[in-house]
Amino acid sequence: MQKQKDIGHYDPVEDVLNLSIKEGEEERFEEIEPGVFVEFDKNDKIIGFEILNASKVLESAIHSLAEKHLASPVR
């Protein structure tokens, strides 16, 4: 059985979350929201994401999703 490679790493001291989509060396990055970066390889393919202040960013996103989906009637 092949061991699954880690796709994410969270640094609680710096409050930074790194998520890898595929292997590759980062050539450039683009900030898509304040503190949210998309990382690209030399072929301009997405290889990962970096989220600064991750606990706050994700808490806000989770609350938004919960409000949107829990406020709707169950069908």
N, C-alpha and C. Protein backbone atom coordinates (compact mmCIF):
# COMPACT_ATOMS: atom_id res chain seq x y z
N MET A 1 0.85 -1.19 0.00
CA MET A 1 0.00 0.00 0.00
C MET A 1 0.89 1.24 0.00
N GLN A 2 0.57 2.19 -0.86
CA GLN A 2 1.36 3.41 -1.00
C GLN A 2 0.93 4.44 0.03
N LYS A 3 1.91 5.07 0.67
CA LYS A 3 1.62 6.10 1.68
C LYS A 3 1.15 7.37 1.00
N GLN A 4 0.06 7.94 1.52
CA GLN A 4 -0.47 9.19 0.97
C GLN A 4 0.42 10.35 1.39
N LYS A 5 0.74 11.20 0.46
CA LYS A 5 1.58 12.37 0.73
C LYS A 5 0.74 13.46 1.39
N ASP A 6 1.36 14.15 2.34
CA ASP A 6 0.68 15.26 3.00
C ASP A 6 0.38 16.35 1.98
N ILE A 7 -0.83 16.86 2.03
CA ILE A 7 -1.20 17.94 1.10
C ILE A 7 -1.28 19.29 1.80
N GLY A 8 -1.22 19.26 3.12
CA GLY A 8 -1.34 20.51 3.84
C GLY A 8 -0.44 20.57 5.05
N HIS A 9 -0.12 21.78 5.45
CA HIS A 9 0.67 22.01 6.64
C HIS A 9 0.20 23.31 7.28
N TYR A 10 -0.09 23.23 8.58
CA TYR A 10 -0.51 24.42 9.32
C TYR A 10 0.55 24.75 10.36
N ASP A 11 0.98 26.00 10.38
CA ASP A 11 1.94 26.49 11.38
C ASP A 11 1.14 27.34 12.38
N PRO A 12 0.87 26.79 13.57
CA PRO A 12 0.05 27.55 14.54
C PRO A 12 0.74 28.78 15.09
N VAL A 13 2.05 28.80 15.13
CA VAL A 13 2.78 29.96 15.63
C VAL A 13 2.61 31.15 14.68
N GLU A 14 2.78 30.89 13.39
CA GLU A 14 2.64 31.94 12.37
C GLU A 14 1.20 32.07 11.86
N ASP A 15 0.33 31.09 12.20
CA ASP A 15 -1.06 31.04 11.74
C ASP A 15 -1.13 31.06 10.21
N VAL A 16 -0.32 30.17 9.59
CA VAL A 16 -0.25 30.07 8.13
C VAL A 16 -0.60 28.64 7.72
N LEU A 17 -1.49 28.52 6.75
CA LEU A 17 -1.87 27.23 6.20
C LEU A 17 -1.37 27.13 4.77
N ASN A 18 -0.61 26.07 4.47
CA ASN A 18 -0.13 25.80 3.11
C ASN A 18 -0.82 24.54 2.61
N LEU A 19 -1.41 24.62 1.43
CA LEU A 19 -2.06 23.48 0.80
C LEU A 19 -1.42 23.23 -0.56
N SER A 20 -1.00 22.00 -0.78
CA SER A 20 -0.39 21.62 -2.06
C SER A 20 -1.39 20.85 -2.90
N ILE A 21 -1.50 21.23 -4.16
CA ILE A 21 -2.37 20.52 -5.10
C ILE A 21 -1.57 19.50 -5.88
N LYS A 22 -0.36 19.90 -6.28
CA LYS A 22 0.52 18.99 -7.00
C LYS A 22 1.96 19.40 -6.74
N GLU A 23 2.86 18.46 -7.00
CA GLU A 23 4.28 18.75 -6.80
C GLU A 23 4.77 19.70 -7.86
N GLY A 24 5.74 20.48 -7.49
CA GLY A 24 6.34 21.42 -8.42
C GLY A 24 7.00 22.56 -7.68
N GLU A 25 7.84 23.26 -8.37
CA GLU A 25 8.53 24.39 -7.78
C GLU A 25 7.75 25.66 -8.09
N GLU A 26 7.56 26.47 -7.06
CA GLU A 26 6.82 27.71 -7.24
C GLU A 26 7.63 28.69 -8.08
N GLU A 27 7.01 29.15 -9.15
CA GLU A 27 7.63 30.14 -10.03
C GLU A 27 7.14 31.54 -9.69
N ARG A 28 5.84 31.61 -9.35
CA ARG A 28 5.25 32.90 -9.01
C ARG A 28 4.01 32.65 -8.15
N PHE A 29 3.49 33.71 -7.57
CA PHE A 29 2.25 33.61 -6.80
C PHE A 29 1.40 34.84 -7.07
N GLU A 30 0.12 34.71 -6.76
CA GLU A 30 -0.83 35.81 -6.96
C GLU A 30 -1.74 35.89 -5.74
N GLU A 31 -1.90 37.10 -5.21
CA GLU A 31 -2.80 37.29 -4.07
C GLU A 31 -4.21 37.48 -4.62
N ILE A 32 -5.11 36.55 -4.27
CA ILE A 32 -6.48 36.60 -4.80
C ILE A 32 -7.47 37.25 -3.83
N GLU A 33 -7.12 37.26 -2.58
CA GLU A 33 -7.85 37.94 -1.51
C GLU A 33 -6.78 38.41 -0.54
N PRO A 34 -7.07 39.36 0.31
CA PRO A 34 -6.04 39.76 1.27
C PRO A 34 -5.57 38.56 2.10
N GLY A 35 -4.28 38.24 1.98
CA GLY A 35 -3.70 37.14 2.74
C GLY A 35 -3.91 35.75 2.16
N VAL A 36 -4.52 35.66 0.98
CA VAL A 36 -4.75 34.36 0.33
C VAL A 36 -4.01 34.35 -1.00
N PHE A 37 -3.04 33.44 -1.12
CA PHE A 37 -2.18 33.40 -2.29
C PHE A 37 -2.33 32.09 -3.05
N VAL A 38 -2.31 32.19 -4.37
CA VAL A 38 -2.28 31.02 -5.25
C VAL A 38 -0.85 30.91 -5.77
N GLU A 39 -0.29 29.70 -5.71
CA GLU A 39 1.09 29.47 -6.16
C GLU A 39 1.06 28.76 -7.51
N PHE A 40 1.90 29.22 -8.45
CA PHE A 40 1.95 28.67 -9.80
C PHE A 40 3.34 28.12 -10.10
N ASP A 41 3.40 27.09 -10.96
CA ASP A 41 4.68 26.56 -11.41
C ASP A 41 5.12 27.28 -12.68
N LYS A 42 6.22 26.84 -13.28
CA LYS A 42 6.76 27.51 -14.48
C LYS A 42 5.84 27.41 -15.69
N ASN A 43 4.90 26.44 -15.67
CA ASN A 43 3.94 26.28 -16.76
C ASN A 43 2.63 27.02 -16.47
N ASP A 44 2.64 27.85 -15.42
CA ASP A 44 1.47 28.63 -15.00
C ASP A 44 0.31 27.75 -14.54
N LYS A 45 0.63 26.58 -14.00
CA LYS A 45 -0.38 25.68 -13.43
C LYS A 45 -0.39 25.88 -11.92
N ILE A 46 -1.57 25.82 -11.32
CA ILE A 46 -1.70 25.99 -9.88
C ILE A 46 -1.08 24.78 -9.18
N ILE A 47 -0.19 25.06 -8.22
CA ILE A 47 0.41 23.97 -7.45
C ILE A 47 0.04 24.05 -5.97
N GLY A 48 -0.50 25.18 -5.53
CA GLY A 48 -0.87 25.27 -4.13
C GLY A 48 -1.43 26.61 -3.73
N PHE A 49 -1.74 26.68 -2.43
CA PHE A 49 -2.32 27.88 -1.84
C PHE A 49 -1.62 28.15 -0.52
N GLU A 50 -1.53 29.42 -0.16
CA GLU A 50 -1.02 29.80 1.15
C GLU A 50 -2.01 30.80 1.74
N ILE A 51 -2.41 30.55 2.98
CA ILE A 51 -3.39 31.41 3.65
C ILE A 51 -2.76 31.96 4.92
N LEU A 52 -2.57 33.28 4.95
CA LEU A 52 -2.06 33.96 6.13
C LEU A 52 -3.22 34.23 7.07
N ASN A 53 -2.95 34.30 8.36
CA ASN A 53 -4.03 34.48 9.36
C ASN A 53 -5.13 33.45 9.14
N ALA A 54 -4.70 32.21 8.92
CA ALA A 54 -5.60 31.14 8.51
C ALA A 54 -6.77 30.92 9.46
N SER A 55 -6.52 30.99 10.76
CA SER A 55 -7.62 30.73 11.70
C SER A 55 -8.74 31.74 11.53
N LYS A 56 -8.41 33.00 11.28
CA LYS A 56 -9.43 34.02 11.09
C LYS A 56 -10.11 33.89 9.73
N VAL A 57 -9.32 33.66 8.69
CA VAL A 57 -9.87 33.53 7.33
C VAL A 57 -10.81 32.34 7.25
N LEU A 58 -10.38 31.20 7.77
CA LEU A 58 -11.20 30.00 7.69
C LEU A 58 -12.41 30.08 8.60
N GLU A 59 -12.27 30.69 9.77
CA GLU A 59 -13.41 30.85 10.66
C GLU A 59 -14.50 31.67 9.97
N SER A 60 -14.10 32.74 9.31
CA SER A 60 -15.05 33.58 8.58
C SER A 60 -15.72 32.80 7.45
N ALA A 61 -14.94 32.03 6.71
CA ALA A 61 -15.48 31.24 5.60
C ALA A 61 -16.45 30.18 6.11
N ILE A 62 -16.10 29.53 7.22
CA ILE A 62 -16.97 28.49 7.78
C ILE A 62 -18.28 29.09 8.26
N HIS A 63 -18.21 30.25 8.92
CA HIS A 63 -19.44 30.91 9.38
C HIS A 63 -20.31 31.30 8.19
N SER A 64 -19.71 31.81 7.12
CA SER A 64 -20.49 32.20 5.93
C SER A 64 -21.18 30.99 5.33
N LEU A 65 -20.45 29.88 5.20
CA LEU A 65 -21.04 28.66 4.65
C LEU A 65 -22.16 28.14 5.54
N ALA A 66 -21.95 28.14 6.84
CA ALA A 66 -22.96 27.65 7.77
C ALA A 66 -24.22 28.50 7.68
N GLU A 67 -24.05 29.82 7.66
CA GLU A 67 -25.21 30.71 7.57
C GLU A 67 -25.97 30.48 6.27
N LYS A 68 -25.24 30.32 5.18
CA LYS A 68 -25.87 30.14 3.88
C LYS A 68 -26.61 28.82 3.80
N HIS A 69 -25.98 27.74 4.27
CA HIS A 69 -26.57 26.42 4.10
C HIS A 69 -27.50 26.02 5.24
N LEU A 70 -27.25 26.48 6.43
CA LEU A 70 -28.12 26.12 7.54
C LEU A 70 -29.37 27.00 7.60
N ALA A 71 -29.30 28.16 6.98
CA ALA A 71 -30.47 29.05 6.97
C ALA A 71 -31.49 28.61 5.93
N SER A 72 -31.07 27.77 4.96
CA SER A 72 -32.00 27.30 3.94
C SER A 72 -32.82 26.15 4.47
N PRO A 73 -34.05 26.06 4.02
CA PRO A 73 -34.88 24.93 4.46
C PRO A 73 -34.30 23.62 3.90
N VAL A 74 -34.42 22.58 4.70
CA VAL A 74 -33.96 21.26 4.29
C VAL A 74 -34.97 20.67 3.32
N ARG A 75 -34.47 20.13 2.21
CA ARG A 75 -35.40 19.56 1.21
C ARG A 75 -35.27 18.09 1.16
